[in-house]
C-alpha atoms as a PDB file:
ATOM      1  CA  MET A   1      50.789  61.092 -14.800  1.00  0.00           C
ATOM      2  CA  MET A   2      49.549  58.302 -17.916  1.00  0.00           C
ATOM      3  CA  LYS A   3      51.180  55.764 -16.179  1.00  0.00           C
ATOM      4  CA  ARG A   4      48.806  56.147 -13.137  1.00  0.00           C
ATOM      5  CA  TYR A   5      45.650  56.867 -14.556  1.00  0.00           C
ATOM      6  CA  PHE A   6      46.205  53.785 -16.981  1.00  0.00           C
ATOM      7  CA  LEU A   7      47.355  51.863 -13.534  1.00  0.00           C
ATOM      8  CA  LEU A   8      43.956  53.313 -11.472  1.00  0.00           C
ATOM      9  CA  ILE A   9      42.050  51.939 -15.392  1.00  0.00           C
ATOM     10  CA  ILE A  10      43.463  48.204 -14.530  1.00  0.00           C
ATOM     11  CA  ILE A  11      42.637  48.125 -11.683  1.00  0.00           C
ATOM     12  CA  VAL A  12      38.470  49.381 -11.644  1.00  0.00           C
ATOM     13  CA  ILE A  13      38.556  47.167 -14.535  1.00  0.00           C
ATOM     14  CA  SER A  14      39.727  43.984 -12.632  1.00  0.00           C
ATOM     15  CA  LEU A  15      37.782  44.951  -9.905  1.00  0.00           C
ATOM     16  CA  PHE A  16      34.372  44.931 -12.326  1.00  0.00           C
ATOM     17  CA  ILE A  17      35.611  41.861 -14.031  1.00  0.00           C
ATOM     18  CA  SER A  18      35.751  39.664 -10.361  1.00  0.00           C
ATOM     19  CA  ASN A  19      32.684  40.972  -9.483  1.00  0.00           C
ATOM     20  CA  CYS A  20      30.622  39.671 -12.517  1.00  0.00           C
ATOM     21  CA  LEU A  21      32.395  36.531 -13.036  1.00  0.00           C
ATOM     22  CA  ILE A  22      32.500  34.879  -9.878  1.00  0.00           C
ATOM     23  CA  PRO A  23      28.860  34.473  -8.515  1.00  0.00           C
ATOM     24  CA  GLY A  24      27.770  34.244  -5.066  1.00  0.00           C
ATOM     25  CA  LYS A  25      30.569  35.951  -3.410  1.00  0.00           C
ATOM     26  CA  ILE A  26      30.459  36.385  -0.041  1.00  0.00           C
ATOM     27  CA  ILE A  27      30.446  39.849   1.383  1.00  0.00           C
ATOM     28  CA  ALA A  28      30.876  39.077   5.493  1.00  0.00           C
ATOM     29  CA  ASP A  29      30.338  42.135   8.223  1.00  0.00           C
ATOM     30  CA  ASP A  30      31.239  41.533  11.972  1.00  0.00           C
ATOM     31  CA  TYR A  31      28.329  41.529  14.089  1.00  0.00           C
ATOM     32  CA  ALA A  32      25.971  42.901  11.802  1.00  0.00           C
ATOM     33  CA  VAL A  33      22.939  41.052  13.669  1.00  0.00           C
ATOM     34  CA  ARG A  34      22.525  41.999  17.409  1.00  0.00           C
ATOM     35  CA  ALA A  35      21.571  38.825  19.139  1.00  0.00           C
ATOM     36  CA  GLU A  36      19.766  38.596  22.449  1.00  0.00           C
ATOM     37  CA  PHE A  37      17.529  36.421  24.589  1.00  0.00           C
ATOM     38  CA  ILE A  38      14.036  37.927  25.581  1.00  0.00           C
ATOM     39  CA  GLN A  39      14.513  35.923  29.060  1.00  0.00           C
ATOM     40  CA  LYS A  40      17.003  36.827  31.677  1.00  0.00           C
ATOM     41  CA  LYS A  41      16.913  33.318  32.706  1.00  0.00           C
ATOM     42  CA  ALA A  42      15.540  29.728  32.190  1.00  0.00           C
ATOM     43  CA  VAL A  43      15.277  26.710  33.901  1.00  0.00           C
ATOM     44  CA  PRO A  44      14.918  22.889  32.599  1.00  0.00           C
ATOM     45  CA  GLY A  45      11.851  22.782  29.725  1.00  0.00           C
ATOM     46  CA  ASP A  46      11.244  26.253  29.404  1.00  0.00           C
ATOM     47  CA  ILE A  47      10.611  27.672  26.244  1.00  0.00           C
ATOM     48  CA  ILE A  48      12.972  30.719  25.508  1.00  0.00           C
ATOM     49  CA  THR A  49      12.985  33.180  22.502  1.00  0.00           C
ATOM     50  CA  LEU A  50      16.234  34.209  20.568  1.00  0.00           C
ATOM     51  CA  ARG A  51      15.728  37.793  18.594  1.00  0.00           C
ATOM     52  CA  LEU A  52      18.170  38.300  16.172  1.00  0.00           C
ATOM     53  CA  SER A  53      17.666  42.481  15.015  1.00  0.00           C
ATOM     54  CA  PHE A  54      19.582  43.422  11.825  1.00  0.00           C
ATOM     55  CA  GLU A  55      18.942  45.642   8.949  1.00  0.00           C
ATOM     56  CA  ILE A  56      18.782  43.993   5.385  1.00  0.00           C
ATOM     57  CA  PRO A  57      21.003  46.169   3.339  1.00  0.00           C
ATOM     58  CA  VAL A  58      19.973  47.925  -0.125  1.00  0.00           C
ATOM     59  CA  GLY A  59      19.155  45.169  -2.899  1.00  0.00           C
ATOM     60  CA  PHE A  60      19.773  42.223  -0.681  1.00  0.00           C
ATOM     61  CA  LYS A  61      16.456  39.733   0.034  1.00  0.00           C
ATOM     62  CA  LEU A  62      16.188  37.347   3.565  1.00  0.00           C
ATOM     63  CA  PRO A  63      14.866  33.907   2.571  1.00  0.00           C
ATOM     64  CA  ASP A  64      11.094  32.528   3.251  1.00  0.00           C
ATOM     65  CA  ASN A  65      13.675  30.369   5.112  1.00  0.00           C
ATOM     66  CA  PRO A  66      16.586  31.891   6.351  1.00  0.00           C
ATOM     67  CA  GLU A  67      19.442  29.518   6.619  1.00  0.00           C
ATOM     68  CA  ILE A  68      21.347  30.461  10.241  1.00  0.00           C
ATOM     69  CA  THR A  69      24.374  28.716  11.318  1.00  0.00           C
ATOM     70  CA  GLY A  70      25.220  28.086  14.850  1.00  0.00           C
ATOM     71  CA  LEU A  71      21.723  26.199  16.071  1.00  0.00           C
ATOM     72  CA  LYS A  72      22.184  23.028  15.327  1.00  0.00           C
ATOM     73  CA  ASP A  73      22.743  21.557  18.906  1.00  0.00           C
ATOM     74  CA  PHE A  74      19.547  23.266  19.960  1.00  0.00           C
ATOM     75  CA  ASP A  75      16.273  21.730  19.916  1.00  0.00           C
ATOM     76  CA  ILE A  76      14.401  24.789  17.412  1.00  0.00           C
ATOM     77  CA  LEU A  77      10.568  24.879  17.983  1.00  0.00           C
ATOM     78  CA  GLU A  78       9.892  27.784  15.787  1.00  0.00           C
ATOM     79  CA  LYS A  79      10.788  30.806  13.514  1.00  0.00           C
ATOM     80  CA  THR A  80       9.482  33.638  13.092  1.00  0.00           C
ATOM     81  CA  ILE A  81      10.749  36.781  10.677  1.00  0.00           C
ATOM     82  CA  TRP A  82       9.418  39.680  11.431  1.00  0.00           C
ATOM     83  CA  ALA A  83       9.947  43.398  10.415  1.00  0.00           C
ATOM     84  CA  ASN A  84      13.813  43.916  11.605  1.00  0.00           C
ATOM     85  CA  GLY A  85      15.041  40.258  12.053  1.00  0.00           C
ATOM     86  CA  ILE A  86      13.960  37.162  13.305  1.00  0.00           C
ATOM     87  CA  LYS A  87      12.715  35.478  16.828  1.00  0.00           C
ATOM     88  CA  ILE A  88      13.621  32.050  16.986  1.00  0.00           C
ATOM     89  CA  ASP A  89      11.855  29.581  20.421  1.00  0.00           C
ATOM     90  CA  MET A  90      14.023  27.593  21.395  1.00  0.00           C
ATOM     91  CA  PHE A  91      13.594  24.080  23.839  1.00  0.00           C
ATOM     92  CA  VAL A  92      15.734  24.541  27.291  1.00  0.00           C
ATOM     93  CA  ASP A  93      16.664  20.363  27.632  1.00  0.00           C
ATOM     94  CA  SER A  94      20.026  21.359  30.038  1.00  0.00           C
ATOM     95  CA  MET A  95      20.969  22.145  33.086  1.00  0.00           C
ATOM     96  CA  GLU A  96      23.973  23.976  31.856  1.00  0.00           C
ATOM     97  CA  ASP A  97      23.911  27.623  30.577  1.00  0.00           C
ATOM     98  CA  ILE A  98      22.935  28.472  27.158  1.00  0.00           C
ATOM     99  CA  ASN A  99      26.120  29.852  25.710  1.00  0.00           C
ATOM    100  CA  LEU A 100      25.536  30.965  21.790  1.00  0.00           C
ATOM    101  CA  PRO A 101      28.149  30.958  19.572  1.00  0.00           C
ATOM    102  CA  GLY A 102      28.128  33.494  17.361  1.00  0.00           C
ATOM    103  CA  LEU A 103      25.747  32.957  14.519  1.00  0.00           C
ATOM    104  CA  GLU A 104      25.352  33.700  10.938  1.00  0.00           C
ATOM    105  CA  ILE A 105      22.461  34.806   8.094  1.00  0.00           C
ATOM    106  CA  TYR A 106      22.923  34.551   4.737  1.00  0.00           C
ATOM    107  CA  ILE A 107      21.300  37.115   2.397  1.00  0.00           C
ATOM    108  CA  TYR A 108      20.947  37.118  -1.183  1.00  0.00           C
ATOM    109  CA  ASP A 109      20.661  39.866  -4.000  1.00  0.00           C
ATOM    110  CA  GLN A 110      18.727  39.471  -7.408  1.00  0.00           C
ATOM    111  CA  ASP A 111      21.961  37.679  -9.310  1.00  0.00           C
ATOM    112  CA  GLY A 112      22.060  35.406  -6.515  1.00  0.00           C
ATOM    113  CA  LYS A 113      25.491  36.735  -5.100  1.00  0.00           C
ATOM    114  CA  GLN A 114      25.227  35.956  -1.197  1.00  0.00           C
ATOM    115  CA  LYS A 115      26.235  38.438   1.763  1.00  0.00           C
ATOM    116  CA  THR A 116      26.798  36.570   5.260  1.00  0.00           C
ATOM    117  CA  LEU A 117      25.576  38.676   8.384  1.00  0.00           C
ATOM    118  CA  LYS A 118      27.149  38.033  11.608  1.00  0.00           C
ATOM    119  CA  SER A 119      26.280  38.117  15.179  1.00  0.00           C
ATOM    120  CA  ASN A 120      27.346  38.295  18.470  1.00  0.00           C
ATOM    121  CA  PRO A 121      28.005  35.392  21.333  1.00  0.00           C
ATOM    122  CA  ALA A 122      24.847  35.594  23.686  1.00  0.00           C
ATOM    123  CA  VAL A 123      24.462  33.411  26.874  1.00  0.00           C
ATOM    124  CA  LEU A 124      21.290  32.885  28.565  1.00  0.00           C
ATOM    125  CA  ALA A 125      21.738  31.367  32.534  1.00  0.00           C
ATOM    126  CA  VAL A 126      19.842  28.051  33.348  1.00  0.00           C
ATOM    127  CA  GLU A 127      18.917  27.571  37.258  1.00  0.00           C
ATOM    128  CA  PRO A 128      18.264  23.945  37.841  1.00  0.00           C
ATOM    129  CA  LEU A 129      14.668  22.980  38.855  1.00  0.00           C
ATOM    130  CA  ILE A 130      15.894  21.711  42.468  1.00  0.00           C
ATOM    131  CA  LYS A 131      18.668  23.403  44.440  1.00  0.00           C
ATOM    132  CA  VAL A 132      20.892  21.787  46.715  1.00  0.00           C
ATOM    133  CA  LYS A 133      21.509  22.391  49.969  1.00  0.00           C
ATOM    134  CA  PRO A 134      25.575  22.880  50.867  1.00  0.00           C
ATOM    135  CA  ALA A 135      25.226  20.327  52.983  1.00  0.00           C
ATOM    136  CA  GLU A 136      23.349  18.017  51.553  1.00  0.00           C
ATOM    137  CA  ASN A 137      25.404  15.659  48.788  1.00  0.00           C
ATOM    138  CA  LEU A 138      25.187  16.677  45.316  1.00  0.00           C
ATOM    139  CA  LEU A 139      22.363  15.000  42.965  1.00  0.00           C
ATOM    140  CA  ARG A 140      23.210  12.344  41.007  1.00  0.00           C
ATOM    141  CA  PRO A 141      23.346  12.772  37.457  1.00  0.00           C
ATOM    142  CA  ILE A 142      19.992  12.230  35.263  1.00  0.00           C
ATOM    143  CA  LYS A 143      19.451  12.254  31.882  1.00  0.00           C
ATOM    144  CA  GLY A 144      18.465  14.713  29.608  1.00  0.00           C
ATOM    145  CA  LEU A 145      14.772  15.753  29.918  1.00  0.00           C
ATOM    146  CA  MET A 146      12.348  14.051  27.245  1.00  0.00           C
ATOM    147  CA  SER A 147      11.366  16.356  24.742  1.00  0.00           C
ATOM    148  CA  THR A 148       7.248  16.318  24.002  1.00  0.00           C
ATOM    149  CA  LYS A 149       7.967  14.317  20.469  1.00  0.00           C
ATOM    150  CA  TYR A 150       9.286  11.528  23.045  1.00  0.00           C
ATOM    151  CA  GLU A 151       6.287  11.976  24.737  1.00  0.00           C
ATOM    152  CA  ILE A 152       3.790  11.533  22.135  1.00  0.00           C
ATOM    153  CA  LYS A 153       5.944   8.188  21.287  1.00  0.00           C
ATOM    154  CA  ARG A 154       5.811   6.706  24.588  1.00  0.00           C
ATOM    155  CA  ILE A 155       1.633   7.184  24.241  1.00  0.00           C
ATOM    156  CA  LEU A 156       1.304   5.639  20.671  1.00  0.00           C
ATOM    157  CA  LEU A 157       4.141   2.721  21.315  1.00  0.00           C
ATOM    158  CA  PRO A 158       1.487   0.797  24.014  1.00  0.00           C
ATOM    159  CA  VAL A 159      -1.877   2.281  21.399  1.00  0.00           C
ATOM    160  CA  LEU A 160      -0.419   0.593  18.724  1.00  0.00           C
ATOM    161  CA  ALA A 161       0.711  -2.437  20.370  1.00  0.00           C
ATOM    162  CA  VAL A 162      -3.116  -2.815  21.679  1.00  0.00           C
ATOM    163  CA  PHE A 163      -4.554  -2.190  18.623  1.00  0.00           C
ATOM    164  CA  LEU A 164      -2.104  -5.214  16.976  1.00  0.00           C
ATOM    165  CA  ILE A 165      -2.979  -7.533  20.546  1.00  0.00           C
ATOM    166  CA  ILE A 166      -6.880  -6.928  19.178  1.00  0.00           C
ATOM    167  CA  LEU A 167      -6.197  -7.349  15.619  1.00  0.00           C
ATOM    168  CA  VAL A 168      -4.790 -11.094  16.657  1.00  0.00           C
ATOM    169  CA  ILE A 169      -7.337 -12.197  18.349  1.00  0.00           C
ATOM    170  CA  ILE A 170      -9.860 -11.329  15.623  1.00  0.00           C
ATOM    171  CA  ALA A 171      -7.585 -13.403  12.916  1.00  0.00           C
ATOM    172  CA  ILE A 172      -7.505 -16.324  15.230  1.00  0.00           C
ATOM    173  CA  TYR A 173     -11.522 -15.948  16.218  1.00  0.00           C
ATOM    174  CA  PHE A 174     -12.249 -15.977  12.985  1.00  0.00           C
ATOM    175  CA  ILE A 175      -9.655 -18.784  11.902  1.00  0.00           C
ATOM    176  CA  VAL A 176     -11.166 -20.948  14.502  1.00  0.00           C
ATOM    177  CA  LYS A 177     -14.738 -20.607  13.310  1.00  0.00           C
ATOM    178  CA  TYR A 178     -13.642 -21.718   9.767  1.00  0.00           C
ATOM    179  CA  LEU A 179     -11.714 -24.497  10.531  1.00  0.00           C
ATOM    180  CA  LYS A 180     -15.253 -25.626  12.698  1.00  0.00           C
ATOM    181  CA  ARG A 181     -17.387 -25.013  10.278  1.00  0.00           C
ATOM    182  CA  ARG A 182     -15.133 -26.593   7.138  1.00  0.00           C
ATOM    183  CA  LYS A 183     -15.281 -29.922   9.844  1.00  0.00           C
ATOM    184  CA  SER A 184     -19.006 -29.977  10.974  1.00  0.00           C
ATOM    185  CA  ASP A 185     -19.693 -29.464   7.501  1.00  0.00           C
ATOM    186  CA  PRO A 186     -20.198 -33.449   5.316  1.00  0.00           C
ATOM    187  CA  GLU A 187     -17.401 -33.321   1.968  1.00  0.00           C
ATOM    188  CA  VAL A 188     -19.387 -32.948  -0.816  1.00  0.00           C
ATOM    189  CA  LEU A 189     -17.940 -35.788  -3.193  1.00  0.00           C
ATOM    190  CA  VAL A 190     -17.899 -35.215  -7.174  1.00  0.00           C
ATOM    191  CA  VAL A 191     -18.996 -37.721  -9.010  1.00  0.00           C
ATOM    192  CA  PRO A 192     -17.605 -38.242 -12.378  1.00  0.00           C
ATOM    193  CA  PRO A 193     -19.382 -37.450 -15.299  1.00  0.00           C
ATOM    194  CA  TYR A 194     -19.431 -41.426 -16.829  1.00  0.00           C
ATOM    195  CA  LEU A 195     -20.440 -42.379 -13.147  1.00  0.00           C
ATOM    196  CA  LYS A 196     -23.305 -40.435 -12.807  1.00  0.00           C
ATOM    197  CA  ALA A 197     -24.892 -41.039 -16.239  1.00  0.00           C
ATOM    198  CA  LEU A 198     -24.093 -44.713 -15.096  1.00  0.00           C
ATOM    199  CA  ASN A 199     -25.888 -44.446 -12.089  1.00  0.00           C
ATOM    200  CA  ARG A 200     -28.539 -42.916 -14.084  1.00  0.00           C
ATOM    201  CA  ILE A 201     -29.638 -45.226 -16.626  1.00  0.00           C
ATOM    202  CA  ASP A 202     -29.563 -47.860 -14.176  1.00  0.00           C
ATOM    203  CA  GLU A 203     -32.152 -45.690 -12.090  1.00  0.00           C
ATOM    204  CA  LEU A 204     -34.182 -45.596 -15.744  1.00  0.00           C
ATOM    205  CA  VAL A 205     -34.328 -49.232 -16.388  1.00  0.00           C
ATOM    206  CA  ALA A 206     -34.738 -50.526 -12.600  1.00  0.00           C
ATOM    207  CA  PRO A 207     -38.842 -50.318 -12.911  1.00  0.00           C
ATOM    208  CA  GLY A 208     -38.062 -51.828 -15.973  1.00  0.00           C
ATOM    209  CA  ILE A 209     -37.918 -51.643 -20.023  1.00  0.00           C
ATOM    210  CA  PRO A 210     -41.031 -50.076 -21.491  1.00  0.00           C
ATOM    211  CA  ASP A 211     -42.922 -51.492 -24.977  1.00  0.00           C
ATOM    212  CA  GLY A 212     -44.839 -49.559 -27.664  1.00  0.00           C
ATOM    213  CA  LYS A 213     -46.464 -46.306 -26.109  1.00  0.00           C
ATOM    214  CA  GLU A 214     -44.974 -46.233 -22.270  1.00  0.00           C
ATOM    215  CA  GLY A 215     -42.190 -45.995 -24.397  1.00  0.00           C
ATOM    216  CA  LYS A 216     -42.162 -41.679 -25.190  1.00  0.00           C
ATOM    217  CA  ALA A 217     -41.179 -40.389 -21.770  1.00  0.00           C
ATOM    218  CA  PHE A 218     -38.455 -43.505 -21.503  1.00  0.00           C
ATOM    219  CA  CYS A 219     -36.791 -41.669 -24.682  1.00  0.00           C
ATOM    220  CA  PHE A 220     -36.974 -38.076 -23.266  1.00  0.00           C
ATOM    221  CA  ILE A 221     -34.849 -39.303 -20.068  1.00  0.00           C
ATOM    222  CA  LEU A 222     -33.035 -41.515 -21.752  1.00  0.00           C
ATOM    223  CA  SER A 223     -32.238 -38.633 -24.385  1.00  0.00           C
ATOM    224  CA  LYS A 224     -31.456 -36.426 -22.029  1.00  0.00           C
ATOM    225  CA  ILE A 225     -28.544 -38.051 -20.120  1.00  0.00           C
ATOM    226  CA  LEU A 226     -27.002 -38.894 -23.017  1.00  0.00           C
ATOM    227  CA  ARG A 227     -26.718 -35.517 -23.834  1.00  0.00           C
ATOM    228  CA  GLU A 228     -25.752 -34.113 -20.675  1.00  0.00           C
ATOM    229  CA  TYR A 229     -23.110 -36.800 -20.418  1.00  0.00           C
ATOM    230  CA  MET A 230     -21.324 -35.596 -24.386  1.00  0.00           C
ATOM    231  CA  GLY A 231     -21.841 -31.915 -23.493  1.00  0.00           C
ATOM    232  CA  GLU A 232     -19.817 -32.622 -19.826  1.00  0.00           C
ATOM    233  CA  ILE A 233     -16.749 -34.654 -21.516  1.00  0.00           C
ATOM    234  CA  ARG A 234     -16.779 -32.393 -25.026  1.00  0.00           C
ATOM    235  CA  ASN A 235     -17.027 -29.166 -23.536  1.00  0.00           C
ATOM    236  CA  PHE A 236     -20.781 -27.608 -24.872  1.00  0.00           C
ATOM    237  CA  ASN A 237     -23.891 -27.405 -23.918  1.00  0.00           C
ATOM    238  CA  ALA A 238     -25.502 -30.272 -25.198  1.00  0.00           C
ATOM    239  CA  LEU A 239     -28.940 -29.960 -23.447  1.00  0.00           C
ATOM    240  CA  GLU A 240     -29.643 -26.683 -25.353  1.00  0.00           C
ATOM    241  CA  MET A 241     -28.780 -27.894 -28.765  1.00  0.00           C
ATOM    242  CA  THR A 242     -30.679 -29.963 -31.450  1.00  0.00           C
ATOM    243  CA  THR A 243     -29.284 -33.423 -32.744  1.00  0.00           C
ATOM    244  CA  ASN A 244     -28.583 -31.438 -36.581  1.00  0.00           C
ATOM    245  CA  GLU A 245     -27.025 -28.627 -34.277  1.00  0.00           C
ATOM    246  CA  ILE A 246     -24.631 -31.312 -32.880  1.00  0.00           C
ATOM    247  CA  VAL A 247     -23.649 -32.575 -35.845  1.00  0.00           C
ATOM    248  CA  GLY A 248     -21.624 -29.909 -36.736  1.00  0.00           C
ATOM    249  CA  VAL A 249     -19.334 -29.887 -33.445  1.00  0.00           C
ATOM    250  CA  VAL A 250     -18.655 -33.260 -32.813  1.00  0.00           C
ATOM    251  CA  LYS A 251     -16.000 -35.289 -35.038  1.00  0.00           C
ATOM    252  CA  ASP A 252     -15.581 -38.312 -32.769  1.00  0.00           C
ATOM    253  CA  LYS A 253     -16.348 -41.647 -34.012  1.00  0.00           C
ATOM    254  CA  ALA A 254     -17.663 -42.755 -31.234  1.00  0.00           C
ATOM    255  CA  ASP A 255     -19.971 -39.525 -30.667  1.00  0.00           C
ATOM    256  CA  ILE A 256     -21.086 -39.419 -34.290  1.00  0.00           C
ATOM    257  CA  GLN A 257     -22.615 -43.292 -33.718  1.00  0.00           C
ATOM    258  CA  LEU A 258     -24.827 -41.871 -30.989  1.00  0.00           C
ATOM    259  CA  LEU A 259     -25.866 -39.304 -33.047  1.00  0.00           C
ATOM    260  CA  ASN A 260     -27.234 -41.907 -34.723  1.00  0.00           C
ATOM    261  CA  LEU A 261     -28.965 -43.390 -31.862  1.00  0.00           C
ATOM    262  CA  LEU A 262     -30.017 -39.664 -30.840  1.00  0.00           C
ATOM    263  CA  LYS A 263     -31.793 -39.751 -34.117  1.00  0.00           C
ATOM    264  CA  ARG A 264     -33.644 -42.969 -33.662  1.00  0.00           C
ATOM    265  CA  ILE A 265     -34.756 -41.663 -30.413  1.00  0.00           C
ATOM    266  CA  ASP A 266     -35.996 -38.055 -31.575  1.00  0.00           C
ATOM    267  CA  LEU A 267     -38.300 -40.274 -33.913  1.00  0.00           C
ATOM    268  CA  VAL A 268     -40.158 -41.534 -30.757  1.00  0.00           C
ATOM    269  CA  LYS A 269     -39.908 -38.190 -28.498  1.00  0.00           C
ATOM    270  CA  PHE A 270     -41.904 -36.101 -31.356  1.00  0.00           C
ATOM    271  CA  ALA A 271     -42.927 -38.152 -34.669  1.00  0.00           C
ATOM    272  CA  ASP A 272     -45.225 -40.823 -32.108  1.00  0.00           C
ATOM    273  CA  ILE A 273     -43.259 -43.380 -33.713  1.00  0.00           C
ATOM    274  CA  PHE A 274     -43.391 -46.704 -31.324  1.00  0.00           C
ATOM    275  CA  MET A 275     -40.321 -49.447 -30.468  1.00  0.00           C
ATOM    276  CA  SER A 276     -40.709 -52.432 -29.066  1.00  0.00           C
ATOM    277  CA  LYS A 277     -38.921 -53.984 -25.675  1.00  0.00           C
ATOM    278  CA  THR A 278     -36.368 -55.101 -27.379  1.00  0.00           C
ATOM    279  CA  ALA A 279     -35.289 -51.903 -29.594  1.00  0.00           C
ATOM    280  CA  PHE A 280     -35.397 -49.839 -26.433  1.00  0.00           C
ATOM    281  CA  GLU A 281     -33.081 -52.528 -24.775  1.00  0.00           C
ATOM    282  CA  GLU A 282     -30.491 -51.987 -27.691  1.00  0.00           C
ATOM    283  CA  GLN A 283     -30.824 -48.199 -27.367  1.00  0.00           C
ATOM    284  CA  VAL A 284     -29.902 -48.893 -23.644  1.00  0.00           C
ATOM    285  CA  SER A 285     -26.855 -51.360 -24.723  1.00  0.00           C
ATOM    286  CA  LEU A 286     -25.229 -48.922 -26.911  1.00  0.00           C
ATOM    287  CA  SER A 287     -25.851 -45.830 -24.751  1.00  0.00           C
ATOM    288  CA  LEU A 288     -23.866 -48.108 -21.994  1.00  0.00           C
ATOM    289  CA  GLU A 289     -21.469 -48.954 -24.917  1.00  0.00           C
ATOM    290  CA  TYR A 290     -20.861 -45.089 -25.674  1.00  0.00           C
ATOM    291  CA  ILE A 291     -20.313 -44.396 -21.932  1.00  0.00           C
ATOM    292  CA  ASN A 292     -17.646 -46.990 -21.100  1.00  0.00           C
ATOM    293  CA  ARG A 293     -16.009 -46.512 -24.528  1.00  0.00           C
ATOM    294  CA  THR A 294     -15.097 -42.408 -23.342  1.00  0.00           C
ATOM    295  CA  LYS A 295     -14.989 -42.647 -20.176  1.00  0.00           C
ATOM    296  CA  PRO A 296     -11.031 -41.889 -18.489  1.00  0.00           C
ATOM    297  CA  GLU A 297      -8.899 -45.312 -19.563  1.00  0.00           C
ATOM    298  CA  GLU A 298      -7.536 -45.232 -15.614  1.00  0.00           C
ATOM    299  CA  VAL A 299     -10.725 -46.336 -14.726  1.00  0.00           C
END
């Protein structure tokens, strides 16, 4: 008698341990779900509703998006959960009868253990769109009906093609317009700094070298030409700097010699000191010598 009770206790403990240590244990009930089509018959292109009726066991819960096996070959449009089951809207895209196999619905308890609810098979008759008389030849096989998703794609593809063609035409128009404008516009020649300075000095001395009081305007123009040239080749704004400020910037021997010339020109510009025609000619000669010494070697 004691052995019988002891054996019973061992069996109960074993069942308890296996139930606790093996998560996700599946418990199956045969035909716990009643599967039925609301419609009695359908034709290709119809939307039919499959109703799955069942009661959820105590302690278990149906997920928000329940997993249902056996529907992968059907075109599901919408799945709705209601009080005592699930309603599934399906698209009839075949001329054959719908043979629904036994489905499986998975529910879970708080510990994550899984329970499987199985349904009965269901059949829905599908009638052809065109009925053939016995005396006529049978219809040739046709492709499956296109779903609404395919219809949308068929409309979008031509629209996208037209849109791309318009973009290409617009791009070609602007490219042609740009090329015409570039061809019609004269090319702007970039004059190197040394050549620009030499041309301006030639223009300055073309009317003749001044003498005495007439040389003040001459000195202002010559000083501006030399400062602008120095600033371009040494990369600083010499026009906005005094001669003494430039002394602290330049280090080249030729630049320092030019600064001595600029200081003498400043005396004529600001101190009312007069120079002879010969002195002006010497200033022009020294200016040309500075430009020729600092111009690029390949010229």
